[in-house]
């Protein structure tokens, strides 16, 4: 009994320290004044000011473009890679490939960002480019760090799929490609959707890698960081609140979508 009470108190303290700063930020985003210490009244003033700021809107558009493109490309490449890894017959080759795939997940973001920046600069100088960092390098870096998450989302679904389904479809006249899309693809779709949403979410709020791999093409996290170097305007609270609830919505959507797809798959199996 005492152990349960202690664990509940410990969990409550962890949740408090994690979410109290966010709660304060959300609370003061509705403050009618610029004060971050005294709440003078409820107002949506700073949300209005936020959407009047052309620089923020432009940074948001750039962020959504990069997140959408990187998650789409990472999903295609990651799904293909997962299928290839699943088809490997030699255990040591498969294990080595998975280890290499997991390295970007374990690697600190700052190391990944610096290494990719150095690679881009090196390649740019080889081709005589003085300024290579921009949209293209940012997109490539986002695709790169998103691919492992897609692979890890798709692989478990491939393992759960009956290996003989594709062979049966081919025996009935399907080509290998047609058999994959008609039989295998529907069964691994929950993993693909989860991986794509996770890639979109990670790309949406990435700062460290983005900061090292782009120059003039500023995404929203980079723009927010540049604002903190000056006098922070209260509309940054409104912006952070919107980002928090957007990410929260996406995470809930990922869990709900995955659970629904899994329940549908179980019903079909029955």
Protein backbone atom coordinates (compact mmCIF):
# COMPACT_ATOMS: atom_id res chain seq x y z
CA UNK A 1 0.00 0.00 0.00
CA UNK A 2 2.79 2.41 0.93
CA UNK A 3 4.65 1.47 -2.26
CA UNK A 4 1.61 2.30 -4.41
CA UNK A 5 1.15 5.65 -2.64
CA UNK A 6 4.83 6.52 -3.07
CA UNK A 7 4.76 5.59 -6.76
CA UNK A 8 1.67 7.76 -7.31
CA UNK A 9 3.31 10.74 -5.57
CA UNK A 10 6.51 10.22 -7.57
CA UNK A 11 4.57 10.03 -10.87
CA UNK A 12 2.54 13.12 -9.96
CA UNK A 13 5.71 15.11 -9.23
CA UNK A 14 7.25 14.10 -12.56
CA UNK A 15 4.11 15.10 -14.45
CA UNK A 16 3.94 18.38 -12.53
CA UNK A 17 7.52 19.39 -13.35
CA UNK A 18 7.04 18.37 -16.98
CA UNK A 19 3.76 20.15 -17.63
CA UNK A 20 3.69 23.06 -15.17
CA UNK A 21 5.86 25.32 -17.39
CA UNK A 22 3.66 24.51 -20.40
CA UNK A 23 0.53 25.25 -18.36
CA UNK A 24 1.96 28.64 -17.32
CA UNK A 25 2.85 29.43 -20.93
CA UNK A 26 -0.68 28.56 -22.13
CA UNK A 27 -2.22 30.56 -19.27
CA UNK A 28 -0.28 33.76 -20.08
CA UNK A 29 -0.94 33.42 -23.80
CA UNK A 30 -4.44 34.68 -22.93
CA UNK A 31 -3.14 37.62 -20.87
CA UNK A 32 -4.38 41.02 -22.01
CA UNK A 33 -1.07 42.73 -21.16
CA UNK A 34 2.58 42.08 -21.99
CA UNK A 35 3.31 40.97 -18.45
CA UNK A 36 4.53 37.41 -17.96
CA UNK A 37 4.15 37.59 -14.18
CA UNK A 38 0.77 39.30 -13.61
CA UNK A 39 -2.45 38.19 -15.26
CA UNK A 40 -4.42 41.35 -15.96
CA UNK A 41 -7.36 39.84 -17.81
CA UNK A 42 -8.47 37.29 -20.41
CA UNK A 43 -7.87 38.28 -24.01
CA UNK A 44 -7.20 36.77 -27.45
CA UNK A 45 -5.17 39.83 -28.39
CA UNK A 46 -1.86 38.02 -28.85
CA UNK A 47 -3.42 35.35 -31.06
CA UNK A 48 -4.68 38.14 -33.30
CA UNK A 49 -1.24 39.78 -33.30
CA UNK A 50 0.31 36.43 -34.11
CA UNK A 51 -1.66 35.95 -37.33
CA UNK A 52 -0.93 39.53 -38.39
CA UNK A 53 2.80 38.76 -38.27
CA UNK A 54 3.78 37.97 -41.87
CA UNK A 55 7.17 36.57 -40.85
CA UNK A 56 5.61 33.97 -38.55
CA UNK A 57 3.05 32.94 -41.17
CA UNK A 58 5.83 32.53 -43.74
CA UNK A 59 7.92 30.46 -41.30
CA UNK A 60 4.85 28.29 -40.60
CA UNK A 61 4.30 27.69 -44.34
CA UNK A 62 7.95 26.69 -44.75
CA UNK A 63 7.74 24.33 -41.80
CA UNK A 64 4.61 22.62 -43.13
CA UNK A 65 6.16 22.24 -46.60
CA UNK A 66 9.33 20.64 -45.21
CA UNK A 67 7.38 18.42 -42.78
CA UNK A 68 4.96 17.23 -45.49
CA UNK A 69 7.62 16.50 -48.11
CA UNK A 70 10.10 14.91 -45.69
CA UNK A 71 7.46 12.66 -44.11
CA UNK A 72 6.20 11.57 -47.54
CA UNK A 73 9.68 10.73 -48.89
CA UNK A 74 10.78 9.15 -45.60
CA UNK A 75 7.65 6.96 -45.58
CA UNK A 76 8.28 5.69 -49.12
CA UNK A 77 12.01 5.05 -48.55
CA UNK A 78 11.51 3.68 -45.02
CA UNK A 79 8.75 1.28 -46.09
CA UNK A 80 10.85 -0.02 -48.98
CA UNK A 81 13.84 -0.42 -46.64
CA UNK A 82 11.72 -2.26 -44.07
CA UNK A 83 10.48 -4.69 -46.73
CA UNK A 84 14.05 -5.27 -47.87
CA UNK A 85 15.28 -5.88 -44.33
CA UNK A 86 12.40 -8.26 -43.67
CA UNK A 87 13.32 -10.27 -46.79
CA UNK A 88 16.93 -10.77 -45.65
CA UNK A 89 17.67 -14.41 -44.93
CA UNK A 90 21.11 -14.18 -43.28
CA UNK A 91 20.69 -13.24 -39.64
CA UNK A 92 24.03 -11.47 -39.27
CA UNK A 93 23.35 -9.29 -42.33
CA UNK A 94 19.90 -8.44 -41.02
CA UNK A 95 21.25 -7.68 -37.54
CA UNK A 96 24.05 -5.50 -38.93
CA UNK A 97 21.57 -3.58 -41.11
CA UNK A 98 19.24 -2.96 -38.17
CA UNK A 99 22.17 -1.77 -36.06
CA UNK A 100 23.21 0.72 -38.74
CA UNK A 101 19.57 1.82 -39.05
CA UNK A 102 19.30 2.43 -35.31
CA UNK A 103 22.47 4.55 -35.10
CA UNK A 104 20.67 7.81 -36.09
CA UNK A 105 18.13 7.17 -33.32
CA UNK A 106 20.84 6.82 -30.67
CA UNK A 107 23.03 9.61 -32.04
CA UNK A 108 22.60 13.04 -30.36
CA UNK A 109 20.85 15.55 -32.62
CA UNK A 110 23.72 18.01 -32.37
CA UNK A 111 26.18 15.37 -33.67
CA UNK A 112 23.83 14.51 -36.54
CA UNK A 113 23.31 18.19 -37.37
CA UNK A 114 27.02 19.07 -37.38
CA UNK A 115 28.04 15.97 -39.37
CA UNK A 116 25.38 16.62 -42.02
CA UNK A 117 26.35 20.28 -42.24
CA UNK A 118 30.01 19.34 -42.81
CA UNK A 119 28.99 16.81 -45.46
CA UNK A 120 26.83 19.36 -47.31
CA UNK A 121 29.57 22.01 -47.20
CA UNK A 122 32.15 19.49 -48.44
CA UNK A 123 29.95 18.39 -51.35
CA UNK A 124 29.10 22.00 -52.15
CA UNK A 125 32.76 22.96 -52.37
CA UNK A 126 33.46 19.95 -54.60
CA UNK A 127 30.97 21.37 -57.10
CA UNK A 128 32.13 24.97 -56.61
CA UNK A 129 29.11 26.13 -54.60
CA UNK A 130 29.87 28.81 -52.01
CA UNK A 131 26.47 28.67 -50.32
CA UNK A 132 24.81 25.26 -50.48
CA UNK A 133 22.78 25.29 -47.25
CA UNK A 134 19.12 26.01 -47.82
CA UNK A 135 15.81 24.29 -48.59
CA UNK A 136 17.33 21.26 -50.34
CA UNK A 137 19.83 20.46 -47.58
CA UNK A 138 17.16 20.98 -44.93
CA UNK A 139 14.78 18.61 -46.71
CA UNK A 140 17.47 15.94 -47.16
CA UNK A 141 18.43 16.12 -43.47
CA UNK A 142 14.79 15.77 -42.36
CA UNK A 143 14.24 12.80 -44.66
CA UNK A 144 17.42 11.21 -43.30
CA UNK A 145 16.53 11.36 -39.60
CA UNK A 146 12.90 10.37 -40.26
CA UNK A 147 13.63 7.16 -42.20
CA UNK A 148 14.67 5.05 -39.14
CA UNK A 149 11.39 5.88 -37.36
CA UNK A 150 9.39 4.70 -40.37
CA UNK A 151 11.43 1.49 -40.58
CA UNK A 152 10.83 0.76 -36.88
CA UNK A 153 7.10 1.35 -37.34
CA UNK A 154 6.74 -0.87 -40.41
CA UNK A 155 9.00 -3.81 -39.44
CA UNK A 156 6.77 -5.14 -36.60
CA UNK A 157 3.79 -5.20 -38.98
CA UNK A 158 5.81 -7.11 -41.55
CA UNK A 159 6.75 -9.68 -38.90
CA UNK A 160 3.07 -10.12 -38.00
CA UNK A 161 2.11 -10.66 -41.66
CA UNK A 162 1.83 -14.24 -42.90
CA UNK A 163 4.82 -14.89 -45.17
CA UNK A 164 2.76 -17.18 -47.43
CA UNK A 165 0.14 -14.55 -48.36
CA UNK A 166 2.28 -13.02 -51.08
CA UNK A 167 3.17 -16.45 -52.47
CA UNK A 168 -0.48 -17.45 -52.54
CA UNK A 169 -1.39 -14.28 -54.42
CA UNK A 170 1.35 -14.96 -56.97
CA UNK A 171 0.09 -18.53 -57.41
CA UNK A 172 -3.30 -17.03 -58.28
CA UNK A 173 -1.78 -14.93 -61.06
CA UNK A 174 -0.53 -11.75 -59.38
CA UNK A 175 2.86 -10.32 -60.16
CA UNK A 176 5.20 -9.84 -57.15
CA UNK A 177 4.47 -6.09 -57.15
CA UNK A 178 0.70 -6.60 -57.45
CA UNK A 179 0.80 -9.23 -54.70
CA UNK A 180 2.57 -6.81 -52.40
CA UNK A 181 0.07 -3.98 -52.90
CA UNK A 182 -3.02 -6.21 -52.79
CA UNK A 183 -2.07 -8.49 -49.90
CA UNK A 184 0.93 -7.27 -47.90
CA UNK A 185 0.37 -3.52 -48.11
CA UNK A 186 -3.08 -3.50 -46.41
CA UNK A 187 -1.74 -5.53 -43.47
CA UNK A 188 1.22 -3.19 -42.86
CA UNK A 189 -0.77 0.01 -43.52
CA UNK A 190 -1.19 0.81 -39.78
CA UNK A 191 2.59 0.79 -39.37
CA UNK A 192 3.05 2.96 -42.46
CA UNK A 193 0.50 5.52 -41.26
CA UNK A 194 2.05 5.58 -37.78
CA UNK A 195 5.53 6.04 -39.24
CA UNK A 196 4.37 8.85 -41.53
CA UNK A 197 2.62 10.73 -38.73
CA UNK A 198 5.62 10.29 -36.45
CA UNK A 199 7.93 11.57 -39.19
CA UNK A 200 5.68 14.60 -39.76
CA UNK A 201 5.61 15.38 -36.03
CA UNK A 202 9.38 15.05 -35.61
CA UNK A 203 10.01 17.22 -38.67
CA UNK A 204 7.51 19.82 -37.50
CA UNK A 205 9.28 20.63 -34.24
CA UNK A 206 12.92 19.86 -35.11
CA UNK A 207 15.32 22.69 -34.28
CA UNK A 208 18.87 21.41 -33.67
CA UNK A 209 19.42 19.55 -36.96
CA UNK A 210 17.52 22.22 -38.91
CA UNK A 211 19.63 24.97 -37.41
CA UNK A 212 22.83 23.35 -38.70
CA UNK A 213 21.60 22.33 -42.15
CA UNK A 214 19.96 25.51 -43.43
CA UNK A 215 20.95 29.13 -43.84
CA UNK A 216 18.31 31.56 -45.07
CA UNK A 217 15.40 29.10 -45.21
CA UNK A 218 14.02 29.50 -41.69
CA UNK A 219 11.48 27.08 -40.26
CA UNK A 220 9.21 27.93 -37.35
CA UNK A 221 11.44 26.50 -34.56
CA UNK A 222 14.42 28.46 -35.93
CA UNK A 223 12.33 31.61 -36.14
CA UNK A 224 11.15 31.17 -32.54
CA UNK A 225 14.76 30.76 -31.41
CA UNK A 226 15.74 33.96 -33.23
CA UNK A 227 12.92 35.78 -31.42
CA UNK A 228 14.23 34.69 -28.01
CA UNK A 229 17.52 36.49 -28.68
CA UNK A 230 15.65 39.80 -28.61
CA UNK A 231 12.85 41.09 -26.41
CA UNK A 232 10.35 38.27 -26.51
CA UNK A 233 6.92 39.41 -27.63
CA UNK A 234 3.89 37.88 -25.86
CA UNK A 235 2.65 36.48 -29.16
CA UNK A 236 5.41 33.85 -28.80
CA UNK A 237 3.27 32.38 -25.98
CA UNK A 238 0.33 32.14 -28.37
CA UNK A 239 2.52 30.54 -31.03
CA UNK A 240 3.96 28.00 -28.58
CA UNK A 241 0.46 27.14 -27.37
CA UNK A 242 -0.71 26.44 -30.92
CA UNK A 243 2.35 24.26 -31.60
CA UNK A 244 1.83 22.31 -28.36
CA UNK A 245 -1.80 21.49 -29.11
CA UNK A 246 -0.98 20.65 -32.74
CA UNK A 247 1.66 18.13 -31.66
CA UNK A 248 -0.68 16.78 -28.97
CA UNK A 249 -3.44 16.35 -31.55
CA UNK A 250 -1.10 14.49 -33.92
CA UNK A 251 0.09 12.17 -31.15
CA UNK A 252 -3.49 11.35 -30.14
CA UNK A 253 -4.38 10.83 -33.81
CA UNK A 254 -1.45 8.42 -34.23
CA UNK A 255 -2.55 6.31 -31.24
CA UNK A 256 -6.24 6.31 -32.22
CA UNK A 257 -5.52 5.48 -35.87
CA UNK A 258 -3.14 2.67 -34.93
CA UNK A 259 -5.57 1.13 -32.43
CA UNK A 260 -8.47 1.28 -34.93
CA UNK A 261 -6.43 -0.26 -37.73
CA UNK A 262 -5.19 -3.01 -35.42
CA UNK A 263 -8.74 -3.80 -34.31
CA UNK A 264 -9.88 -3.96 -37.95
CA UNK A 265 -6.98 -6.29 -38.78
CA UNK A 266 -7.88 -8.60 -35.87
CA UNK A 267 -11.51 -8.73 -37.01
CA UNK A 268 -10.42 -9.67 -40.53
CA UNK A 269 -8.15 -12.39 -39.15
CA UNK A 270 -11.06 -13.81 -37.18
